[in-house]
Amino acid sequence: MDTKKLMATFAILIIALGIAGYAYASWYTYLYIEGTVNTGELSVAWSIGEEWDTEPENKDFSHIEGEIVGNILYVSVCNAYPCIDYYLEIDINNTGTIPVHVYFGELTGEFPGTVEIEDLPEAAPLQLHPGEAWYGIIHVHLDQEAEQGETYTFSMEVLVIQWNMLPEQP
């Protein structure tokens, strides 16, 4: 091959690459996007409803009471009596704009009997969408070993987190 033909081919190749580079540079531009992302609000309101027990009306001396402090539910059976069932209504309302998961922690405190949260779904955790509410009943049964006239207290943490998060493990 002739040197002139080789040089001409090389020059044409350089010119073609230059034109392609110029065309690409002319079409290439920066794209700026501005926007706002709102993730929603996690907000839950919970409260205590009615309280009752199975004592006969003419012998109704003991009672159950509950108090909510932060995310801790405190329950007391006052002036206790053996073999009585006590009930305490609680409700949790999702007042935010995102779904939430509700986890009920372990009971702390010692008492002679059993505690059950009625109306809890079998699949944990409890999930509430915005505007939804859950109504449950804490059922306390004192065994025959319970001391008459005593006050038995226990507490339980109620953890509420956004639906797509997992609770922190200790």
C-alpha atoms as a PDB file:
ATOM      1  CA  MET A   1       0.000   0.000   0.000  1.00  0.00           C
ATOM      2  CA  ASP A   2       1.145   3.426  -0.899  1.00  0.00           C
ATOM      3  CA  THR A   3       2.172   5.816   1.881  1.00  0.00           C
ATOM      4  CA  LYS A   4      -0.012   8.578   0.423  1.00  0.00           C
ATOM      5  CA  LYS A   5      -3.078   6.311   0.496  1.00  0.00           C
ATOM      6  CA  LEU A   6      -2.269   5.329   4.062  1.00  0.00           C
ATOM      7  CA  MET A   7      -1.915   8.984   5.090  1.00  0.00           C
ATOM      8  CA  ALA A   8      -5.184   9.894   3.302  1.00  0.00           C
ATOM      9  CA  THR A   9      -7.038   7.044   5.048  1.00  0.00           C
ATOM     10  CA  PHE A  10      -5.620   8.160   8.397  1.00  0.00           C
ATOM     11  CA  ALA A  11      -6.628  11.802   7.743  1.00  0.00           C
ATOM     12  CA  ILE A  12     -10.178  10.788   6.720  1.00  0.00           C
ATOM     13  CA  LEU A  13     -10.463   8.672   9.881  1.00  0.00           C
ATOM     14  CA  ILE A  14      -9.336  11.577  12.089  1.00  0.00           C
ATOM     15  CA  ILE A  15     -11.795  13.971  10.387  1.00  0.00           C
ATOM     16  CA  ALA A  16     -14.655  11.437  10.772  1.00  0.00           C
ATOM     17  CA  LEU A  17     -13.876  10.970  14.465  1.00  0.00           C
ATOM     18  CA  GLY A  18     -13.759  14.743  14.959  1.00  0.00           C
ATOM     19  CA  ILE A  19     -17.164  15.181  13.289  1.00  0.00           C
ATOM     20  CA  ALA A  20     -18.647  12.362  15.408  1.00  0.00           C
ATOM     21  CA  GLY A  21     -17.178  13.898  18.571  1.00  0.00           C
ATOM     22  CA  TYR A  22     -18.561  17.337  17.695  1.00  0.00           C
ATOM     23  CA  ALA A  23     -22.018  15.902  16.959  1.00  0.00           C
ATOM     24  CA  TYR A  24     -22.052  13.969  20.258  1.00  0.00           C
ATOM     25  CA  ALA A  25     -20.915  17.061  22.190  1.00  0.00           C
ATOM     26  CA  SER A  26     -23.628  19.147  20.542  1.00  0.00           C
ATOM     27  CA  TRP A  27     -26.368  16.727  21.631  1.00  0.00           C
ATOM     28  CA  TYR A  28     -25.015  16.055  25.113  1.00  0.00           C
ATOM     29  CA  THR A  29     -26.368  18.392  27.764  1.00  0.00           C
ATOM     30  CA  TYR A  30     -26.929  18.380  31.505  1.00  0.00           C
ATOM     31  CA  LEU A  31     -30.413  17.718  32.818  1.00  0.00           C
ATOM     32  CA  TYR A  32     -31.332  19.251  36.183  1.00  0.00           C
ATOM     33  CA  ILE A  33     -34.336  17.914  38.116  1.00  0.00           C
ATOM     34  CA  GLU A  34     -35.722  19.596  41.215  1.00  0.00           C
ATOM     35  CA  GLY A  35     -38.416  18.217  43.479  1.00  0.00           C
ATOM     36  CA  THR A  36     -39.639  17.530  46.981  1.00  0.00           C
ATOM     37  CA  VAL A  37     -40.212  14.120  48.514  1.00  0.00           C
ATOM     38  CA  ASN A  38     -42.633  13.757  51.413  1.00  0.00           C
ATOM     39  CA  THR A  39     -42.449  10.472  53.305  1.00  0.00           C
ATOM     40  CA  GLY A  40     -45.493  10.851  55.524  1.00  0.00           C
ATOM     41  CA  GLU A  41     -46.058  11.101  59.241  1.00  0.00           C
ATOM     42  CA  LEU A  42     -45.961   8.336  61.842  1.00  0.00           C
ATOM     43  CA  SER A  43     -48.486   9.161  64.540  1.00  0.00           C
ATOM     44  CA  VAL A  44     -50.481   6.887  66.822  1.00  0.00           C
ATOM     45  CA  ALA A  45     -52.919   7.713  69.603  1.00  0.00           C
ATOM     46  CA  TRP A  46     -53.862   5.110  72.153  1.00  0.00           C
ATOM     47  CA  SER A  47     -56.142   5.174  75.116  1.00  0.00           C
ATOM     48  CA  ILE A  48     -57.756   3.128  77.846  1.00  0.00           C
ATOM     49  CA  GLY A  49     -61.457   2.348  77.705  1.00  0.00           C
ATOM     50  CA  GLU A  50     -63.766   0.597  80.128  1.00  0.00           C
ATOM     51  CA  GLU A  51     -62.617  -1.459  83.108  1.00  0.00           C
ATOM     52  CA  TRP A  52     -64.630  -4.260  84.705  1.00  0.00           C
ATOM     53  CA  ASP A  53     -64.342  -7.513  86.641  1.00  0.00           C
ATOM     54  CA  THR A  54     -66.382 -10.605  87.483  1.00  0.00           C
ATOM     55  CA  GLU A  55     -67.054  -9.835  91.146  1.00  0.00           C
ATOM     56  CA  PRO A  56     -70.727  -9.929  92.143  1.00  0.00           C
ATOM     57  CA  GLU A  57     -72.254  -6.446  92.389  1.00  0.00           C
ATOM     58  CA  ASN A  58     -72.846  -6.706  96.130  1.00  0.00           C
ATOM     59  CA  LYS A  59     -69.174  -7.701  96.668  1.00  0.00           C
ATOM     60  CA  ASP A  60     -67.455  -5.450  94.155  1.00  0.00           C
ATOM     61  CA  PHE A  61     -64.436  -4.173  96.112  1.00  0.00           C
ATOM     62  CA  SER A  62     -61.486  -4.746  93.797  1.00  0.00           C
ATOM     63  CA  HIS A  63     -60.849  -3.188  90.401  1.00  0.00           C
ATOM     64  CA  ILE A  64     -58.376  -2.936  87.532  1.00  0.00           C
ATOM     65  CA  GLU A  65     -56.921   0.303  86.264  1.00  0.00           C
ATOM     66  CA  GLY A  66     -54.525   1.274  83.513  1.00  0.00           C
ATOM     67  CA  GLU A  67     -52.251   4.179  82.720  1.00  0.00           C
ATOM     68  CA  ILE A  68     -50.292   5.026  79.589  1.00  0.00           C
ATOM     69  CA  VAL A  69     -46.947   6.779  79.998  1.00  0.00           C
ATOM     70  CA  GLY A  70     -45.128   7.296  76.702  1.00  0.00           C
ATOM     71  CA  ASN A  71     -45.132   3.881  75.055  1.00  0.00           C
ATOM     72  CA  ILE A  72     -45.539   1.912  78.304  1.00  0.00           C
ATOM     73  CA  LEU A  73     -48.878   0.540  79.501  1.00  0.00           C
ATOM     74  CA  TYR A  74     -49.103   0.127  83.281  1.00  0.00           C
ATOM     75  CA  VAL A  75     -51.866  -2.092  84.665  1.00  0.00           C
ATOM     76  CA  SER A  76     -52.786  -2.482  88.335  1.00  0.00           C
ATOM     77  CA  VAL A  77     -55.258  -4.775  90.045  1.00  0.00           C
ATOM     78  CA  CYS A  78     -56.159  -2.961  93.261  1.00  0.00           C
ATOM     79  CA  ASN A  79     -57.593  -4.563  96.403  1.00  0.00           C
ATOM     80  CA  ALA A  80     -57.170  -7.905  94.626  1.00  0.00           C
ATOM     81  CA  TYR A  81     -59.307 -10.938  95.232  1.00  0.00           C
ATOM     82  CA  PRO A  82     -58.416 -14.536  94.255  1.00  0.00           C
ATOM     83  CA  CYS A  83     -60.063 -16.228  91.269  1.00  0.00           C
ATOM     84  CA  ILE A  84     -61.470 -13.050  89.785  1.00  0.00           C
ATOM     85  CA  ASP A  85     -61.208 -12.044  86.125  1.00  0.00           C
ATOM     86  CA  TYR A  86     -60.393  -8.409  85.351  1.00  0.00           C
ATOM     87  CA  TYR A  87     -60.782  -6.706  81.979  1.00  0.00           C
ATOM     88  CA  LEU A  88     -59.303  -3.492  80.598  1.00  0.00           C
ATOM     89  CA  GLU A  89     -60.113  -2.135  77.137  1.00  0.00           C
ATOM     90  CA  ILE A  90     -57.361  -0.458  75.124  1.00  0.00           C
ATOM     91  CA  ASP A  91     -57.471   1.043  71.679  1.00  0.00           C
ATOM     92  CA  ILE A  92     -54.756   2.122  69.279  1.00  0.00           C
ATOM     93  CA  ASN A  93     -55.535   4.551  66.435  1.00  0.00           C
ATOM     94  CA  ASN A  94     -53.254   5.296  63.485  1.00  0.00           C
ATOM     95  CA  THR A  95     -53.587   9.084  63.220  1.00  0.00           C
ATOM     96  CA  GLY A  96     -50.646   9.429  60.819  1.00  0.00           C
ATOM     97  CA  THR A  97     -50.354   9.194  57.053  1.00  0.00           C
ATOM     98  CA  ILE A  98     -48.384   5.935  56.751  1.00  0.00           C
ATOM     99  CA  PRO A  99     -49.140   2.346  57.823  1.00  0.00           C
ATOM    100  CA  VAL A 100     -47.664   1.225  61.146  1.00  0.00           C
ATOM    101  CA  HIS A 101     -46.741  -2.046  62.825  1.00  0.00           C
ATOM    102  CA  VAL A 102     -47.562  -2.476  66.509  1.00  0.00           C
ATOM    103  CA  TYR A 103     -45.529  -4.863  68.664  1.00  0.00           C
ATOM    104  CA  PHE A 104     -46.570  -5.798  72.195  1.00  0.00           C
ATOM    105  CA  GLY A 105     -43.573  -6.392  74.461  1.00  0.00           C
ATOM    106  CA  GLU A 106     -43.119  -8.833  77.296  1.00  0.00           C
ATOM    107  CA  LEU A 107     -44.920  -8.264  80.576  1.00  0.00           C
ATOM    108  CA  THR A 108     -42.799  -7.065  83.465  1.00  0.00           C
ATOM    109  CA  GLY A 109     -43.895  -7.548  87.034  1.00  0.00           C
ATOM    110  CA  GLU A 110     -44.853 -10.551  89.096  1.00  0.00           C
ATOM    111  CA  PHE A 111     -48.376 -11.561  89.967  1.00  0.00           C
ATOM    112  CA  PRO A 112     -50.143 -14.838  90.663  1.00  0.00           C
ATOM    113  CA  GLY A 113     -52.189 -15.345  87.544  1.00  0.00           C
ATOM    114  CA  THR A 114     -52.355 -14.981  83.795  1.00  0.00           C
ATOM    115  CA  VAL A 115     -52.602 -12.069  81.384  1.00  0.00           C
ATOM    116  CA  GLU A 116     -53.971 -12.349  77.870  1.00  0.00           C
ATOM    117  CA  ILE A 117     -54.513  -9.696  75.226  1.00  0.00           C
ATOM    118  CA  GLU A 118     -57.760 -10.617  73.532  1.00  0.00           C
ATOM    119  CA  ASP A 119     -58.626  -9.755  69.923  1.00  0.00           C
ATOM    120  CA  LEU A 120     -54.996  -9.718  68.803  1.00  0.00           C
ATOM    121  CA  PRO A 121     -54.518 -11.075  65.288  1.00  0.00           C
ATOM    122  CA  GLU A 122     -52.581 -14.336  65.193  1.00  0.00           C
ATOM    123  CA  ALA A 123     -50.032 -12.960  62.743  1.00  0.00           C
ATOM    124  CA  ALA A 124     -47.655 -10.543  64.431  1.00  0.00           C
ATOM    125  CA  PRO A 125     -47.221  -7.671  64.208  1.00  0.00           C
ATOM    126  CA  LEU A 126     -50.526  -5.837  64.280  1.00  0.00           C
ATOM    127  CA  GLN A 127     -50.695  -3.596  61.176  1.00  0.00           C
ATOM    128  CA  LEU A 128     -52.792  -0.436  61.060  1.00  0.00           C
ATOM    129  CA  HIS A 129     -53.279   1.716  57.980  1.00  0.00           C
ATOM    130  CA  PRO A 130     -53.920   5.459  58.229  1.00  0.00           C
ATOM    131  CA  GLY A 131     -57.279   6.071  59.887  1.00  0.00           C
ATOM    132  CA  GLU A 132     -57.599   2.482  61.164  1.00  0.00           C
ATOM    133  CA  ALA A 133     -58.002   1.533  64.809  1.00  0.00           C
ATOM    134  CA  TRP A 134     -57.586  -1.643  66.843  1.00  0.00           C
ATOM    135  CA  TYR A 135     -59.614  -2.350  69.953  1.00  0.00           C
ATOM    136  CA  GLY A 136     -58.397  -5.008  72.339  1.00  0.00           C
ATOM    137  CA  ILE A 137     -59.037  -6.246  75.841  1.00  0.00           C
ATOM    138  CA  ILE A 138     -56.435  -7.078  78.444  1.00  0.00           C
ATOM    139  CA  HIS A 139     -57.783 -10.019  80.430  1.00  0.00           C
ATOM    140  CA  VAL A 140     -56.179 -10.658  83.824  1.00  0.00           C
ATOM    141  CA  HIS A 141     -57.076 -13.726  85.878  1.00  0.00           C
ATOM    142  CA  LEU A 142     -55.788 -13.985  89.444  1.00  0.00           C
ATOM    143  CA  ASP A 143     -55.136 -17.510  90.708  1.00  0.00           C
ATOM    144  CA  GLN A 144     -56.289 -18.874  94.047  1.00  0.00           C
ATOM    145  CA  GLU A 145     -52.816 -18.039  95.458  1.00  0.00           C
ATOM    146  CA  ALA A 146     -53.434 -14.283  95.084  1.00  0.00           C
ATOM    147  CA  GLU A 147     -53.404 -12.383  98.350  1.00  0.00           C
ATOM    148  CA  GLN A 148     -56.694 -10.703  99.163  1.00  0.00           C
ATOM    149  CA  GLY A 149     -56.401  -6.910  99.409  1.00  0.00           C
ATOM    150  CA  GLU A 150     -53.015  -6.739  97.608  1.00  0.00           C
ATOM    151  CA  THR A 151     -52.197  -4.526  94.634  1.00  0.00           C
ATOM    152  CA  TYR A 152     -50.605  -6.333  91.698  1.00  0.00           C
ATOM    153  CA  THR A 153     -48.958  -4.254  88.984  1.00  0.00           C
ATOM    154  CA  PHE A 154     -47.366  -5.105  85.659  1.00  0.00           C
ATOM    155  CA  SER A 155     -46.284  -3.134  82.620  1.00  0.00           C
ATOM    156  CA  MET A 156     -45.829  -3.749  78.935  1.00  0.00           C
ATOM    157  CA  GLU A 157     -44.017  -1.777  76.259  1.00  0.00           C
ATOM    158  CA  VAL A 158     -45.957  -1.146  73.063  1.00  0.00           C
ATOM    159  CA  LEU A 159     -43.647  -0.438  70.136  1.00  0.00           C
ATOM    160  CA  VAL A 160     -45.023   1.356  67.074  1.00  0.00           C
ATOM    161  CA  ILE A 161     -42.845   1.663  63.965  1.00  0.00           C
ATOM    162  CA  GLN A 162     -43.442   2.386  60.306  1.00  0.00           C
ATOM    163  CA  TRP A 163     -44.673  -0.635  58.382  1.00  0.00           C
ATOM    164  CA  ASN A 164     -41.525  -1.262  56.337  1.00  0.00           C
ATOM    165  CA  MET A 165     -39.035  -1.181  59.237  1.00  0.00           C
ATOM    166  CA  LEU A 166     -37.985  -3.953  61.599  1.00  0.00           C
ATOM    167  CA  PRO A 167     -37.799  -3.441  65.356  1.00  0.00           C
ATOM    168  CA  GLU A 168     -34.312  -3.065  66.809  1.00  0.00           C
ATOM    169  CA  GLN A 169     -33.024  -6.280  68.323  1.00  0.00           C
ATOM    170  CA  PRO A 170     -31.405  -6.093  71.772  1.00  0.00           C
END
